[in-house]
Amino acid sequence: MLHVHYVTDSQGKPLYVQIPVKEYEKLVADAEELADIAAYKKAKKRSGKSVPFDEAFQEIEAHHSNQIS
């Protein structure tokens, strides 16, 4: 359960929410995991040639190295 603290304006309208850092970090991690799952499902629906992980990683590293130089 989240330990939420609302910050309101002078009329009592909620403006912000404060939560403990550990709870925030868990929410961020959960959101990232859900985004990864959604991206995976979207990629699985696409047709086309698949590339082995090691080959894809090498291509990404080579591209990254070329951008830094």
PDB file of N, CA and C in Angstrom:
ATOM      1  N   MET A   1       0.845  -1.190   0.000  1.00  0.00           N
ATOM      2  CA  MET A   1       0.000   0.000   0.000  1.00  0.00           C
ATOM      3  C   MET A   1       0.880   1.239   0.000  1.00  0.00           C
ATOM      4  N   LEU A   2       0.501   2.201  -0.821  1.00  0.00           N
ATOM      5  CA  LEU A   2       1.269   3.435  -0.908  1.00  0.00           C
ATOM      6  C   LEU A   2       0.986   4.337   0.289  1.00  0.00           C
ATOM      7  N   HIS A   3       2.034   4.979   0.753  1.00  0.00           N
ATOM      8  CA  HIS A   3       1.905   5.977   1.817  1.00  0.00           C
ATOM      9  C   HIS A   3       1.955   7.339   1.134  1.00  0.00           C
ATOM     10  N   VAL A   4       0.772   7.876   0.813  1.00  0.00           N
ATOM     11  CA  VAL A   4       0.652   9.075  -0.003  1.00  0.00           C
ATOM     12  C   VAL A   4       0.348  10.284   0.865  1.00  0.00           C
ATOM     13  N   HIS A   5       1.001  11.394   0.514  1.00  0.00           N
ATOM     14  CA  HIS A   5       0.732  12.673   1.169  1.00  0.00           C
ATOM     15  C   HIS A   5       0.394  13.667   0.062  1.00  0.00           C
ATOM     16  N   TYR A   6      -0.802  14.256   0.125  1.00  0.00           N
ATOM     17  CA  TYR A   6      -1.228  15.209  -0.885  1.00  0.00           C
ATOM     18  C   TYR A   6      -0.856  16.621  -0.468  1.00  0.00           C
ATOM     19  N   VAL A   7      -0.366  17.398  -1.438  1.00  0.00           N
ATOM     20  CA  VAL A   7      -0.092  18.817  -1.242  1.00  0.00           C
ATOM     21  C   VAL A   7      -1.189  19.549  -2.003  1.00  0.00           C
ATOM     22  N   THR A   8      -1.904  20.417  -1.292  1.00  0.00           N
ATOM     23  CA  THR A   8      -3.057  21.093  -1.897  1.00  0.00           C
ATOM     24  C   THR A   8      -2.849  22.603  -1.941  1.00  0.00           C
ATOM     25  N   ASP A   9      -3.662  23.265  -2.768  1.00  0.00           N
ATOM     26  CA  ASP A   9      -3.640  24.723  -2.786  1.00  0.00           C
ATOM     27  C   ASP A   9      -4.543  25.251  -1.678  1.00  0.00           C
ATOM     28  N   SER A  10      -4.735  26.562  -1.646  1.00  0.00           N
ATOM     29  CA  SER A  10      -5.517  27.165  -0.557  1.00  0.00           C
ATOM     30  C   SER A  10      -6.991  26.772  -0.574  1.00  0.00           C
ATOM     31  N   GLN A  11      -7.488  26.279  -1.725  1.00  0.00           N
ATOM     32  CA  GLN A  11      -8.872  25.822  -1.805  1.00  0.00           C
ATOM     33  C   GLN A  11      -8.993  24.319  -1.563  1.00  0.00           C
ATOM     34  N   GLY A  12      -7.897  23.669  -1.279  1.00  0.00           N
ATOM     35  CA  GLY A  12      -7.920  22.237  -1.025  1.00  0.00           C
ATOM     36  C   GLY A  12      -7.798  21.375  -2.277  1.00  0.00           C
ATOM     37  N   LYS A  13      -7.515  22.016  -3.426  1.00  0.00           N
ATOM     38  CA  LYS A  13      -7.354  21.270  -4.686  1.00  0.00           C
ATOM     39  C   LYS A  13      -5.975  20.586  -4.684  1.00  0.00           C
ATOM     40  N   PRO A  14      -5.936  19.274  -4.929  1.00  0.00           N
ATOM     41  CA  PRO A  14      -4.643  18.574  -4.940  1.00  0.00           C
ATOM     42  C   PRO A  14      -3.726  19.110  -6.040  1.00  0.00           C
ATOM     43  N   LEU A  15      -2.482  19.412  -5.667  1.00  0.00           N
ATOM     44  CA  LEU A  15      -1.487  19.898  -6.618  1.00  0.00           C
ATOM     45  C   LEU A  15      -0.372  18.875  -6.849  1.00  0.00           C
ATOM     46  N   TYR A  16       0.054  18.224  -5.797  1.00  0.00           N
ATOM     47  CA  TYR A  16       1.176  17.294  -5.848  1.00  0.00           C
ATOM     48  C   TYR A  16       0.895  16.108  -4.942  1.00  0.00           C
ATOM     49  N   VAL A  17       1.663  15.064  -5.166  1.00  0.00           N
ATOM     50  CA  VAL A  17       1.609  13.891  -4.303  1.00  0.00           C
ATOM     51  C   VAL A  17       3.031  13.597  -3.851  1.00  0.00           C
ATOM     52  N   GLN A  18       3.216  13.340  -2.587  1.00  0.00           N
ATOM     53  CA  GLN A  18       4.512  12.934  -2.053  1.00  0.00           C
ATOM     54  C   GLN A  18       4.403  11.492  -1.592  1.00  0.00           C
ATOM     55  N   ILE A  19       5.407  10.700  -1.974  1.00  0.00           N
ATOM     56  CA  ILE A  19       5.470   9.312  -1.519  1.00  0.00           C
ATOM     57  C   ILE A  19       6.903   9.021  -1.103  1.00  0.00           C
ATOM     58  N   PRO A  20       7.105   8.027  -0.247  1.00  0.00           N
ATOM     59  CA  PRO A  20       8.461   7.667   0.143  1.00  0.00           C
ATOM     60  C   PRO A  20       9.290   7.236  -1.071  1.00  0.00           C
ATOM     61  N   VAL A  21      10.583   7.493  -1.026  1.00  0.00           N
ATOM     62  CA  VAL A  21      11.486   7.204  -2.137  1.00  0.00           C
ATOM     63  C   VAL A  21      11.424   5.737  -2.543  1.00  0.00           C
ATOM     64  N   LYS A  22      11.411   4.833  -1.589  1.00  0.00           N
ATOM     65  CA  LYS A  22      11.365   3.400  -1.922  1.00  0.00           C
ATOM     66  C   LYS A  22      10.112   3.056  -2.708  1.00  0.00           C
ATOM     67  N   GLU A  23       8.992   3.636  -2.352  1.00  0.00           N
ATOM     68  CA  GLU A  23       7.748   3.381  -3.071  1.00  0.00           C
ATOM     69  C   GLU A  23       7.814   3.988  -4.472  1.00  0.00           C
ATOM     70  N   TYR A  24       8.395   5.175  -4.588  1.00  0.00           N
ATOM     71  CA  TYR A  24       8.575   5.808  -5.895  1.00  0.00           C
ATOM     72  C   TYR A  24       9.451   4.942  -6.791  1.00  0.00           C
ATOM     73  N   GLU A  25      10.567   4.458  -6.257  1.00  0.00           N
ATOM     74  CA  GLU A  25      11.476   3.622  -7.040  1.00  0.00           C
ATOM     75  C   GLU A  25      10.790   2.341  -7.511  1.00  0.00           C
ATOM     76  N   LYS A  26       9.946   1.763  -6.665  1.00  0.00           N
ATOM     77  CA  LYS A  26       9.207   0.568  -7.067  1.00  0.00           C
ATOM     78  C   LYS A  26       8.213   0.894  -8.170  1.00  0.00           C
ATOM     79  N   LEU A  27       7.519   2.015  -8.070  1.00  0.00           N
ATOM     80  CA  LEU A  27       6.586   2.420  -9.117  1.00  0.00           C
ATOM     81  C   LEU A  27       7.311   2.622 -10.450  1.00  0.00           C
ATOM     82  N   VAL A  28       8.474   3.256 -10.408  1.00  0.00           N
ATOM     83  CA  VAL A  28       9.252   3.478 -11.632  1.00  0.00           C
ATOM     84  C   VAL A  28       9.699   2.141 -12.217  1.00  0.00           C
ATOM     85  N   ALA A  29      10.203   1.246 -11.383  1.00  0.00           N
ATOM     86  CA  ALA A  29      10.654  -0.067 -11.857  1.00  0.00           C
ATOM     87  C   ALA A  29       9.486  -0.847 -12.467  1.00  0.00           C
ATOM     88  N   ASP A  30       8.338  -0.812 -11.814  1.00  0.00           N
ATOM     89  CA  ASP A  30       7.155  -1.501 -12.335  1.00  0.00           C
ATOM     90  C   ASP A  30       6.722  -0.907 -13.680  1.00  0.00           C
ATOM     91  N   ALA A  31       6.752   0.411 -13.800  1.00  0.00           N
ATOM     92  CA  ALA A  31       6.370   1.061 -15.050  1.00  0.00           C
ATOM     93  C   ALA A  31       7.338   0.693 -16.173  1.00  0.00           C
ATOM     94  N   GLU A  32       8.627   0.641 -15.860  1.00  0.00           N
ATOM     95  CA  GLU A  32       9.623   0.251 -16.863  1.00  0.00           C
ATOM     96  C   GLU A  32       9.409  -1.192 -17.309  1.00  0.00           C
ATOM     97  N   GLU A  33       9.099  -2.064 -16.364  1.00  0.00           N
ATOM     98  CA  GLU A  33       8.857  -3.461 -16.707  1.00  0.00           C
ATOM     99  C   GLU A  33       7.627  -3.593 -17.602  1.00  0.00           C
ATOM    100  N   LEU A  34       6.571  -2.860 -17.287  1.00  0.00           N
ATOM    101  CA  LEU A  34       5.370  -2.891 -18.125  1.00  0.00           C
ATOM    102  C   LEU A  34       5.656  -2.358 -19.525  1.00  0.00           C
ATOM    103  N   ALA A  35       6.481  -1.315 -19.621  1.00  0.00           N
ATOM    104  CA  ALA A  35       6.848  -0.774 -20.933  1.00  0.00           C
ATOM    105  C   ALA A  35       7.649  -1.800 -21.728  1.00  0.00           C
ATOM    106  N   ASP A  36       8.553  -2.515 -21.049  1.00  0.00           N
ATOM    107  CA  ASP A  36       9.333  -3.566 -21.710  1.00  0.00           C
ATOM    108  C   ASP A  36       8.423  -4.675 -22.229  1.00  0.00           C
ATOM    109  N   ILE A  37       7.460  -5.066 -21.431  1.00  0.00           N
ATOM    110  CA  ILE A  37       6.517  -6.121 -21.833  1.00  0.00           C
ATOM    111  C   ILE A  37       5.712  -5.668 -23.047  1.00  0.00           C
ATOM    112  N   ALA A  38       5.238  -4.424 -23.021  1.00  0.00           N
ATOM    113  CA  ALA A  38       4.467  -3.891 -24.142  1.00  0.00           C
ATOM    114  C   ALA A  38       5.317  -3.836 -25.410  1.00  0.00           C
ATOM    115  N   ALA A  39       6.572  -3.420 -25.278  1.00  0.00           N
ATOM    116  CA  ALA A  39       7.467  -3.355 -26.440  1.00  0.00           C
ATOM    117  C   ALA A  39       7.733  -4.754 -26.985  1.00  0.00           C
ATOM    118  N   TYR A  40       7.904  -5.713 -26.104  1.00  0.00           N
ATOM    119  CA  TYR A  40       8.128  -7.099 -26.528  1.00  0.00           C
ATOM    120  C   TYR A  40       6.918  -7.619 -27.294  1.00  0.00           C
ATOM    121  N   LYS A  41       5.727  -7.399 -26.757  1.00  0.00           N
ATOM    122  CA  LYS A  41       4.509  -7.870 -27.426  1.00  0.00           C
ATOM    123  C   LYS A  41       4.349  -7.215 -28.793  1.00  0.00           C
ATOM    124  N   LYS A  42       4.661  -5.924 -28.887  1.00  0.00           N
ATOM    125  CA  LYS A  42       4.565  -5.207 -30.159  1.00  0.00           C
ATOM    126  C   LYS A  42       5.577  -5.777 -31.159  1.00  0.00           C
ATOM    127  N   ALA A  43       6.790  -6.047 -30.693  1.00  0.00           N
ATOM    128  CA  ALA A  43       7.829  -6.584 -31.575  1.00  0.00           C
ATOM    129  C   ALA A  43       7.467  -7.985 -32.060  1.00  0.00           C
ATOM    130  N   LYS A  44       6.859  -8.779 -31.200  1.00  0.00           N
ATOM    131  CA  LYS A  44       6.474 -10.141 -31.582  1.00  0.00           C
ATOM    132  C   LYS A  44       5.416 -10.136 -32.684  1.00  0.00           C
ATOM    133  N   LYS A  45       4.590  -9.100 -32.737  1.00  0.00           N
ATOM    134  CA  LYS A  45       3.530  -9.010 -33.748  1.00  0.00           C
ATOM    135  C   LYS A  45       4.090  -8.655 -35.126  1.00  0.00           C
ATOM    136  N   ARG A  46       5.243  -7.987 -35.156  1.00  0.00           N
ATOM    137  CA  ARG A  46       5.821  -7.579 -36.434  1.00  0.00           C
ATOM    138  C   ARG A  46       6.437  -8.775 -37.141  1.00  0.00           C
ATOM    139  N   SER A  47       6.266  -8.781 -38.440  1.00  0.00           N
ATOM    140  CA  SER A  47       6.916  -9.828 -39.218  1.00  0.00           C
ATOM    141  C   SER A  47       8.259  -9.290 -39.697  1.00  0.00           C
ATOM    142  N   GLY A  48       9.129 -10.188 -40.032  1.00  0.00           N
ATOM    143  CA  GLY A  48      10.428  -9.778 -40.533  1.00  0.00           C
ATOM    144  C   GLY A  48      11.520 -10.674 -39.984  1.00  0.00           C
ATOM    145  N   LYS A  49      12.713 -10.363 -40.390  1.00  0.00           N
ATOM    146  CA  LYS A  49      13.871 -11.155 -40.014  1.00  0.00           C
ATOM    147  C   LYS A  49      14.241 -10.875 -38.554  1.00  0.00           C
ATOM    148  N   SER A  50      14.475 -11.927 -37.811  1.00  0.00           N
ATOM    149  CA  SER A  50      14.953 -11.748 -36.446  1.00  0.00           C
ATOM    150  C   SER A  50      16.474 -11.824 -36.448  1.00  0.00           C
ATOM    151  N   VAL A  51      17.079 -11.167 -35.484  1.00  0.00           N
ATOM    152  CA  VAL A  51      18.532 -11.113 -35.365  1.00  0.00           C
ATOM    153  C   VAL A  51      18.906 -11.680 -34.009  1.00  0.00           C
ATOM    154  N   PRO A  52      19.904 -12.575 -33.960  1.00  0.00           N
ATOM    155  CA  PRO A  52      20.338 -13.100 -32.670  1.00  0.00           C
ATOM    156  C   PRO A  52      20.805 -11.963 -31.748  1.00  0.00           C
ATOM    157  N   PHE A  53      20.608 -12.141 -30.457  1.00  0.00           N
ATOM    158  CA  PHE A  53      20.928 -11.101 -29.483  1.00  0.00           C
ATOM    159  C   PHE A  53      22.369 -10.643 -29.603  1.00  0.00           C
ATOM    160  N   ASP A  54      23.320 -11.581 -29.660  1.00  0.00           N
ATOM    161  CA  ASP A  54      24.738 -11.214 -29.712  1.00  0.00           C
ATOM    162  C   ASP A  54      25.048 -10.352 -30.933  1.00  0.00           C
ATOM    163  N   GLU A  55      24.456 -10.705 -32.071  1.00  0.00           N
ATOM    164  CA  GLU A  55      24.679  -9.928 -33.298  1.00  0.00           C
ATOM    165  C   GLU A  55      24.081  -8.525 -33.162  1.00  0.00           C
ATOM    166  N   ALA A  56      22.891  -8.447 -32.623  1.00  0.00           N
ATOM    167  CA  ALA A  56      22.242  -7.146 -32.433  1.00  0.00           C
ATOM    168  C   ALA A  56      23.053  -6.285 -31.477  1.00  0.00           C
ATOM    169  N   PHE A  57      23.539  -6.885 -30.409  1.00  0.00           N
ATOM    170  CA  PHE A  57      24.327  -6.138 -29.420  1.00  0.00           C
ATOM    171  C   PHE A  57      25.606  -5.607 -30.057  1.00  0.00           C
ATOM    172  N   GLN A  58      26.282  -6.430 -30.881  1.00  0.00           N
ATOM    173  CA  GLN A  58      27.504  -5.994 -31.556  1.00  0.00           C
ATOM    174  C   GLN A  58      27.219  -4.824 -32.502  1.00  0.00           C
ATOM    175  N   GLU A  59      26.105  -4.888 -33.215  1.00  0.00           N
ATOM    176  CA  GLU A  59      25.738  -3.792 -34.113  1.00  0.00           C
ATOM    177  C   GLU A  59      25.471  -2.504 -33.331  1.00  0.00           C
ATOM    178  N   ILE A  60      24.795  -2.631 -32.211  1.00  0.00           N
ATOM    179  CA  ILE A  60      24.508  -1.457 -31.384  1.00  0.00           C
ATOM    180  C   ILE A  60      25.800  -0.867 -30.847  1.00  0.00           C
ATOM    181  N   GLU A  61      26.687  -1.711 -30.349  1.00  0.00           N
ATOM    182  CA  GLU A  61      27.969  -1.242 -29.824  1.00  0.00           C
ATOM    183  C   GLU A  61      28.790  -0.569 -30.914  1.00  0.00           C
ATOM    184  N   ALA A  62      28.830  -1.147 -32.115  1.00  0.00           N
ATOM    185  CA  ALA A  62      29.580  -0.558 -33.228  1.00  0.00           C
ATOM    186  C   ALA A  62      28.999   0.800 -33.591  1.00  0.00           C
ATOM    187  N   HIS A  63      27.679   0.897 -33.646  1.00  0.00           N
ATOM    188  CA  HIS A  63      27.023   2.159 -33.966  1.00  0.00           C
ATOM    189  C   HIS A  63      27.332   3.212 -32.904  1.00  0.00           C
ATOM    190  N   HIS A  64      27.288   2.795 -31.647  1.00  0.00           N
ATOM    191  CA  HIS A  64      27.564   3.710 -30.528  1.00  0.00           C
ATOM    192  C   HIS A  64      29.003   4.197 -30.590  1.00  0.00           C
ATOM    193  N   SER A  65      29.936   3.295 -30.877  1.00  0.00           N
ATOM    194  CA  SER A  65      31.353   3.661 -30.961  1.00  0.00           C
ATOM    195  C   SER A  65      31.598   4.654 -32.081  1.00  0.00           C
ATOM    196  N   ASN A  66      30.905   4.476 -33.213  1.00  0.00           N
ATOM    197  CA  ASN A  66      31.070   5.392 -34.339  1.00  0.00           C
ATOM    198  C   ASN A  66      30.542   6.783 -34.020  1.00  0.00           C
ATOM    199  N   GLN A  67      29.515   6.866 -33.199  1.00  0.00           N
ATOM    200  CA  GLN A  67      28.947   8.167 -32.838  1.00  0.00           C
ATOM    201  C   GLN A  67      29.873   8.936 -31.888  1.00  0.00           C
ATOM    202  N   ILE A  68      30.595   8.222 -31.049  1.00  0.00           N
ATOM    203  CA  ILE A  68      31.485   8.865 -30.075  1.00  0.00           C
ATOM    204  C   ILE A  68      32.730   9.400 -30.764  1.00  0.00           C
ATOM    205  N   SER A  69      33.229   8.697 -31.754  1.00  0.00           N
ATOM    206  CA  SER A  69      34.472   9.099 -32.447  1.00  0.00           C
ATOM    207  C   SER A  69      34.306  10.373 -33.220  1.00  0.00           C
TER     208      SER A  69
END
